[in-house]
Amino acid sequence: TVYQHGFGLREPYQILCDASFIKACLTNKIDAKEALPALLGGRVKLMTTSCVLEACRQMDRAEQVGAGIAAKRMESRRCVHAGGSSMAPAECLKAIVQPDNPHHYLVATCDEQLKEAVRPIAGCPLLLIHKAVLVMEEPSAAVRSQVHQRQQGRLQPKRPELERLKKIFKVEEGEDRAKNLHRRRRKAKAPNPL
């Protein structure tokens, strides 16, 4: 919900999966198409890139078959790097979500380099597999502070509202002064006889 309210993430959640995440799902026997909607509480779109497909093809023979099939079932996202050559999956996914994750992607990875590259991006949640369980990484302090700043900005009055408020308070202050001038002073009364 932090990412929904603070950064505009909405259903269907677009999840960029890399080769290490696909491999971890296969080794831990996790069906990502069923587990991710349960984790996120909504519909998901699993996505990958041609660089990730190429990395799946270069895995060991035993892993290559399953990972290749799983990656081909996902929606393919066009790589943003120049040229038709493939690059490392971590670099490719990093290029897609930087500088500020304009398409509201979630990144599913088990690659430490990619995790470190994506963490500073405030609006990009990380999904990972920890001890054979699919988890979403907790929002960092930078994410929470940015969400807090955005919320405070929404709570502050806009310029036209601020001008109207100043006019209203000036009028009320003038009315209060006039009332105070005409107020009679109360006399001290006798104590209650009961």
C-alpha atoms as a PDB file:
ATOM      1  CA  THR A   1       0.000   0.000   0.000  1.00  0.00           C
ATOM      2  CA  VAL A   2       2.960   2.335   0.514  1.00  0.00           C
ATOM      3  CA  TYR A   3       3.788   2.016  -3.161  1.00  0.00           C
ATOM      4  CA  GLN A   4       0.142   2.283  -4.255  1.00  0.00           C
ATOM      5  CA  HIS A   5      -0.576   5.496  -2.377  1.00  0.00           C
ATOM      6  CA  GLY A   6       2.874   7.028  -2.614  1.00  0.00           C
ATOM      7  CA  PHE A   7       4.000   6.151  -6.130  1.00  0.00           C
ATOM      8  CA  GLY A   8       0.896   5.215  -8.106  1.00  0.00           C
ATOM      9  CA  LEU A   9       1.388   1.448  -8.467  1.00  0.00           C
ATOM     10  CA  ARG A  10      -1.856  -0.116  -9.649  1.00  0.00           C
ATOM     11  CA  GLU A  11      -3.294  -3.329 -10.994  1.00  0.00           C
ATOM     12  CA  PRO A  12      -2.277  -5.191 -13.029  1.00  0.00           C
ATOM     13  CA  TYR A  13       1.129  -5.019 -11.371  1.00  0.00           C
ATOM     14  CA  GLN A  14       3.904  -5.203 -13.983  1.00  0.00           C
ATOM     15  CA  ILE A  15       6.703  -7.417 -12.694  1.00  0.00           C
ATOM     16  CA  LEU A  16      10.060  -7.541 -14.469  1.00  0.00           C
ATOM     17  CA  CYS A  17      11.618 -10.955 -13.819  1.00  0.00           C
ATOM     18  CA  ASP A  18      15.285 -11.715 -14.359  1.00  0.00           C
ATOM     19  CA  ALA A  19      16.990 -15.047 -15.038  1.00  0.00           C
ATOM     20  CA  SER A  20      18.082 -15.590 -11.425  1.00  0.00           C
ATOM     21  CA  PHE A  21      14.494 -15.186 -10.199  1.00  0.00           C
ATOM     22  CA  ILE A  22      13.165 -17.623 -12.821  1.00  0.00           C
ATOM     23  CA  LYS A  23      15.862 -20.141 -11.878  1.00  0.00           C
ATOM     24  CA  ALA A  24      15.093 -19.733  -8.139  1.00  0.00           C
ATOM     25  CA  CYS A  25      11.368 -20.274  -8.800  1.00  0.00           C
ATOM     26  CA  LEU A  26      12.170 -23.517 -10.611  1.00  0.00           C
ATOM     27  CA  THR A  27      14.563 -24.837  -7.961  1.00  0.00           C
ATOM     28  CA  ASN A  28      12.168 -23.970  -5.108  1.00  0.00           C
ATOM     29  CA  LYS A  29       9.120 -25.216  -7.058  1.00  0.00           C
ATOM     30  CA  ILE A  30       7.285 -21.886  -6.820  1.00  0.00           C
ATOM     31  CA  ASP A  31       4.624 -21.131  -9.396  1.00  0.00           C
ATOM     32  CA  ALA A  32       5.099 -17.399  -9.844  1.00  0.00           C
ATOM     33  CA  LYS A  33       1.811 -16.939 -11.728  1.00  0.00           C
ATOM     34  CA  GLU A  34      -0.113 -18.111  -8.653  1.00  0.00           C
ATOM     35  CA  ALA A  35       2.166 -16.935  -5.846  1.00  0.00           C
ATOM     36  CA  LEU A  36       2.646 -13.322  -6.979  1.00  0.00           C
ATOM     37  CA  PRO A  37      -1.070 -12.401  -7.156  1.00  0.00           C
ATOM     38  CA  ALA A  38      -1.508 -13.890  -3.669  1.00  0.00           C
ATOM     39  CA  LEU A  39       1.474 -11.893  -2.370  1.00  0.00           C
ATOM     40  CA  LEU A  40       0.455  -8.587  -3.948  1.00  0.00           C
ATOM     41  CA  GLY A  41      -3.300  -8.963  -3.573  1.00  0.00           C
ATOM     42  CA  GLY A  42      -4.164  -8.284  -7.203  1.00  0.00           C
ATOM     43  CA  ARG A  43      -3.636  -9.196 -10.831  1.00  0.00           C
ATOM     44  CA  VAL A  44      -0.071  -9.309 -12.142  1.00  0.00           C
ATOM     45  CA  LYS A  45       1.671  -9.205 -15.512  1.00  0.00           C
ATOM     46  CA  LEU A  46       4.919 -11.145 -15.573  1.00  0.00           C
ATOM     47  CA  MET A  47       7.381  -9.528 -17.946  1.00  0.00           C
ATOM     48  CA  THR A  48      10.891 -10.203 -19.150  1.00  0.00           C
ATOM     49  CA  THR A  49      13.286  -8.918 -21.807  1.00  0.00           C
ATOM     50  CA  SER A  50      15.201 -10.456 -24.682  1.00  0.00           C
ATOM     51  CA  CYS A  51      18.401 -10.157 -22.625  1.00  0.00           C
ATOM     52  CA  VAL A  52      16.850 -12.305 -19.886  1.00  0.00           C
ATOM     53  CA  LEU A  53      15.714 -14.850 -22.492  1.00  0.00           C
ATOM     54  CA  GLU A  54      19.267 -14.995 -23.822  1.00  0.00           C
ATOM     55  CA  ALA A  55      20.614 -15.530 -20.284  1.00  0.00           C
ATOM     56  CA  CYS A  56      18.118 -18.397 -19.813  1.00  0.00           C
ATOM     57  CA  ARG A  57      19.389 -20.002 -23.013  1.00  0.00           C
ATOM     58  CA  GLN A  58      22.962 -19.884 -21.690  1.00  0.00           C
ATOM     59  CA  MET A  59      22.175 -21.741 -18.435  1.00  0.00           C
ATOM     60  CA  ASP A  60      23.100 -25.372 -17.809  1.00  0.00           C
ATOM     61  CA  ARG A  61      21.244 -27.885 -19.950  1.00  0.00           C
ATOM     62  CA  ALA A  62      19.039 -29.091 -17.071  1.00  0.00           C
ATOM     63  CA  GLU A  63      18.063 -25.547 -16.037  1.00  0.00           C
ATOM     64  CA  GLN A  64      17.874 -24.214 -19.578  1.00  0.00           C
ATOM     65  CA  VAL A  65      14.761 -26.142 -20.565  1.00  0.00           C
ATOM     66  CA  GLY A  66      12.590 -25.130 -17.627  1.00  0.00           C
ATOM     67  CA  ALA A  67      13.862 -21.559 -17.403  1.00  0.00           C
ATOM     68  CA  GLY A  68      13.503 -21.039 -21.147  1.00  0.00           C
ATOM     69  CA  ILE A  69       9.914 -22.268 -21.153  1.00  0.00           C
ATOM     70  CA  ALA A  70       9.002 -20.178 -18.100  1.00  0.00           C
ATOM     71  CA  ALA A  71      10.601 -17.053 -19.593  1.00  0.00           C
ATOM     72  CA  LYS A  72       8.880 -17.540 -22.963  1.00  0.00           C
ATOM     73  CA  ARG A  73       5.470 -17.664 -21.241  1.00  0.00           C
ATOM     74  CA  MET A  74       6.035 -14.182 -19.859  1.00  0.00           C
ATOM     75  CA  GLU A  75       5.227 -11.021 -21.748  1.00  0.00           C
ATOM     76  CA  SER A  76       8.289  -9.636 -23.507  1.00  0.00           C
ATOM     77  CA  ARG A  77       9.330  -6.040 -22.776  1.00  0.00           C
ATOM     78  CA  ARG A  78      11.506  -4.236 -25.306  1.00  0.00           C
ATOM     79  CA  CYS A  79      15.024  -3.498 -24.106  1.00  0.00           C
ATOM     80  CA  VAL A  80      15.921   0.186 -23.890  1.00  0.00           C
ATOM     81  CA  HIS A  81      19.651  -0.142 -24.538  1.00  0.00           C
ATOM     82  CA  ALA A  82      20.976   0.787 -27.950  1.00  0.00           C
ATOM     83  CA  GLY A  83      21.673  -1.781 -30.633  1.00  0.00           C
ATOM     84  CA  GLY A  84      20.453  -5.300 -31.150  1.00  0.00           C
ATOM     85  CA  SER A  85      23.117  -6.884 -28.948  1.00  0.00           C
ATOM     86  CA  SER A  86      22.144  -8.432 -25.655  1.00  0.00           C
ATOM     87  CA  MET A  87      23.690  -7.378 -22.375  1.00  0.00           C
ATOM     88  CA  ALA A  88      23.668  -8.744 -18.850  1.00  0.00           C
ATOM     89  CA  PRO A  89      20.086  -9.139 -17.545  1.00  0.00           C
ATOM     90  CA  ALA A  90      20.853  -7.034 -14.468  1.00  0.00           C
ATOM     91  CA  GLU A  91      22.117  -4.151 -16.614  1.00  0.00           C
ATOM     92  CA  CYS A  92      19.126  -4.413 -18.949  1.00  0.00           C
ATOM     93  CA  LEU A  93      16.534  -4.344 -16.151  1.00  0.00           C
ATOM     94  CA  LYS A  94      18.432  -1.547 -14.420  1.00  0.00           C
ATOM     95  CA  ALA A  95      18.226   0.523 -17.605  1.00  0.00           C
ATOM     96  CA  ILE A  96      14.455  -0.047 -17.852  1.00  0.00           C
ATOM     97  CA  VAL A  97      13.572   1.106 -14.320  1.00  0.00           C
ATOM     98  CA  GLN A  98      16.013   4.014 -14.028  1.00  0.00           C
ATOM     99  CA  PRO A  99      15.995   6.893 -13.274  1.00  0.00           C
ATOM    100  CA  ASP A 100      12.623   6.984 -11.475  1.00  0.00           C
ATOM    101  CA  ASN A 101      10.637   3.943 -12.664  1.00  0.00           C
ATOM    102  CA  PRO A 102       8.215   5.837 -14.947  1.00  0.00           C
ATOM    103  CA  HIS A 103       6.192   2.728 -15.904  1.00  0.00           C
ATOM    104  CA  HIS A 104       5.680   1.563 -12.285  1.00  0.00           C
ATOM    105  CA  TYR A 105       7.485  -1.772 -12.567  1.00  0.00           C
ATOM    106  CA  LEU A 106       8.188  -4.162  -9.723  1.00  0.00           C
ATOM    107  CA  VAL A 107      11.494  -6.035 -10.046  1.00  0.00           C
ATOM    108  CA  ALA A 108      11.704  -9.731  -9.178  1.00  0.00           C
ATOM    109  CA  THR A 109      15.298 -10.833  -8.748  1.00  0.00           C
ATOM    110  CA  CYS A 110      17.750 -12.889  -6.734  1.00  0.00           C
ATOM    111  CA  ASP A 111      20.795 -11.080  -8.160  1.00  0.00           C
ATOM    112  CA  GLU A 112      22.609  -9.032  -5.503  1.00  0.00           C
ATOM    113  CA  GLN A 113      23.971  -6.464  -7.983  1.00  0.00           C
ATOM    114  CA  LEU A 114      20.513  -5.759  -9.365  1.00  0.00           C
ATOM    115  CA  LYS A 115      19.065  -5.494  -5.849  1.00  0.00           C
ATOM    116  CA  GLU A 116      21.687  -2.903  -4.892  1.00  0.00           C
ATOM    117  CA  ALA A 117      21.037  -0.954  -8.100  1.00  0.00           C
ATOM    118  CA  VAL A 118      17.236  -0.925  -7.671  1.00  0.00           C
ATOM    119  CA  ARG A 119      17.046  -0.140  -3.925  1.00  0.00           C
ATOM    120  CA  PRO A 120      17.842   3.592  -4.310  1.00  0.00           C
ATOM    121  CA  ILE A 121      14.992   3.996  -6.828  1.00  0.00           C
ATOM    122  CA  ALA A 122      12.167   5.108  -4.552  1.00  0.00           C
ATOM    123  CA  GLY A 123       9.143   3.867  -6.491  1.00  0.00           C
ATOM    124  CA  CYS A 124      10.466   0.424  -7.450  1.00  0.00           C
ATOM    125  CA  PRO A 125       9.608  -2.437  -5.059  1.00  0.00           C
ATOM    126  CA  LEU A 126      11.789  -5.551  -4.988  1.00  0.00           C
ATOM    127  CA  LEU A 127      10.417  -9.078  -4.982  1.00  0.00           C
ATOM    128  CA  LEU A 128      12.749 -11.890  -4.006  1.00  0.00           C
ATOM    129  CA  ILE A 129      12.869 -15.466  -2.823  1.00  0.00           C
ATOM    130  CA  HIS A 130      14.087 -15.920   0.740  1.00  0.00           C
ATOM    131  CA  LYS A 131      14.419 -19.484   2.060  1.00  0.00           C
ATOM    132  CA  ALA A 132      12.028 -20.869  -0.568  1.00  0.00           C
ATOM    133  CA  VAL A 133       9.410 -18.203   0.202  1.00  0.00           C
ATOM    134  CA  LEU A 134       8.429 -15.382  -2.119  1.00  0.00           C
ATOM    135  CA  VAL A 135       8.632 -12.013  -0.299  1.00  0.00           C
ATOM    136  CA  MET A 136       8.491  -8.310  -1.029  1.00  0.00           C
ATOM    137  CA  GLU A 137      11.358  -6.351   0.425  1.00  0.00           C
ATOM    138  CA  GLU A 138      10.348  -3.833   3.073  1.00  0.00           C
ATOM    139  CA  PRO A 139      10.371  -0.203   1.909  1.00  0.00           C
ATOM    140  CA  SER A 140      13.596   1.567   2.783  1.00  0.00           C
ATOM    141  CA  ALA A 141      13.831   4.669   4.950  1.00  0.00           C
ATOM    142  CA  ALA A 142      14.344   6.777   1.822  1.00  0.00           C
ATOM    143  CA  VAL A 143      11.083   5.454   0.366  1.00  0.00           C
ATOM    144  CA  ARG A 144       9.185   6.156   3.572  1.00  0.00           C
ATOM    145  CA  SER A 145      10.589   9.682   3.855  1.00  0.00           C
ATOM    146  CA  GLN A 146       9.702  10.440   0.229  1.00  0.00           C
ATOM    147  CA  VAL A 147       6.157   9.160   0.733  1.00  0.00           C
ATOM    148  CA  HIS A 148       5.879  11.279   3.899  1.00  0.00           C
ATOM    149  CA  GLN A 149       7.040  14.377   1.990  1.00  0.00           C
ATOM    150  CA  ARG A 150       4.486  13.740  -0.761  1.00  0.00           C
ATOM    151  CA  GLN A 151       1.711  13.325   1.780  1.00  0.00           C
ATOM    152  CA  GLN A 152       2.685  16.527   3.572  1.00  0.00           C
ATOM    153  CA  GLY A 153       2.670  18.334   0.233  1.00  0.00           C
ATOM    154  CA  ARG A 154      -0.870  17.132  -0.435  1.00  0.00           C
ATOM    155  CA  LEU A 155      -2.027  18.288   3.009  1.00  0.00           C
ATOM    156  CA  GLN A 156      -0.709  21.838   2.641  1.00  0.00           C
ATOM    157  CA  PRO A 157      -3.118  24.387   1.137  1.00  0.00           C
ATOM    158  CA  LYS A 158      -2.481  25.541  -2.431  1.00  0.00           C
ATOM    159  CA  ARG A 159      -1.759  29.203  -3.219  1.00  0.00           C
ATOM    160  CA  PRO A 160      -5.384  30.230  -4.023  1.00  0.00           C
ATOM    161  CA  GLU A 161      -6.621  28.456  -0.895  1.00  0.00           C
ATOM    162  CA  LEU A 162      -3.924  30.139   1.176  1.00  0.00           C
ATOM    163  CA  GLU A 163      -4.960  33.590  -0.081  1.00  0.00           C
ATOM    164  CA  ARG A 164      -8.611  32.893   0.727  1.00  0.00           C
ATOM    165  CA  LEU A 165      -7.680  31.681   4.200  1.00  0.00           C
ATOM    166  CA  LYS A 166      -5.689  34.856   4.865  1.00  0.00           C
ATOM    167  CA  LYS A 167      -8.671  37.003   3.841  1.00  0.00           C
ATOM    168  CA  ILE A 168     -11.033  34.993   6.039  1.00  0.00           C
ATOM    169  CA  PHE A 169      -8.760  35.213   9.090  1.00  0.00           C
ATOM    170  CA  LYS A 170      -8.303  38.963   8.643  1.00  0.00           C
ATOM    171  CA  VAL A 171     -12.090  39.448   8.572  1.00  0.00           C
ATOM    172  CA  GLU A 172     -12.586  37.210  11.615  1.00  0.00           C
ATOM    173  CA  GLU A 173      -9.867  39.022  13.572  1.00  0.00           C
ATOM    174  CA  GLY A 174     -11.580  42.353  12.836  1.00  0.00           C
ATOM    175  CA  GLU A 175     -14.956  40.988  14.002  1.00  0.00           C
ATOM    176  CA  ASP A 176     -13.408  39.612  17.201  1.00  0.00           C
ATOM    177  CA  ARG A 177     -11.881  42.981  18.071  1.00  0.00           C
ATOM    178  CA  ALA A 178     -15.219  44.713  17.585  1.00  0.00           C
ATOM    179  CA  LYS A 179     -16.928  42.167  19.853  1.00  0.00           C
ATOM    180  CA  ASN A 180     -14.273  42.583  22.543  1.00  0.00           C
ATOM    181  CA  LEU A 181     -14.776  46.356  22.633  1.00  0.00           C
ATOM    182  CA  HIS A 182     -18.509  46.065  23.317  1.00  0.00           C
ATOM    183  CA  ARG A 183     -18.277  43.267  25.845  1.00  0.00           C
ATOM    184  CA  ARG A 184     -19.606  44.148  29.288  1.00  0.00           C
ATOM    185  CA  ARG A 185     -17.725  43.216  32.342  1.00  0.00           C
ATOM    186  CA  ARG A 186     -19.544  40.802  34.625  1.00  0.00           C
ATOM    187  CA  LYS A 187     -20.099  41.688  38.250  1.00  0.00           C
ATOM    188  CA  ALA A 188     -19.067  39.368  41.043  1.00  0.00           C
ATOM    189  CA  LYS A 189     -22.036  37.463  42.337  1.00  0.00           C
ATOM    190  CA  ALA A 190     -22.891  36.223  45.785  1.00  0.00           C
ATOM    191  CA  PRO A 191     -22.086  32.614  46.733  1.00  0.00           C
ATOM    192  CA  ASN A 192     -24.698  29.948  46.252  1.00  0.00           C
ATOM    193  CA  PRO A 193     -26.946  29.806  49.344  1.00  0.00           C
ATOM    194  CA  LEU A 194     -27.490  26.077  49.141  1.00  0.00           C
END
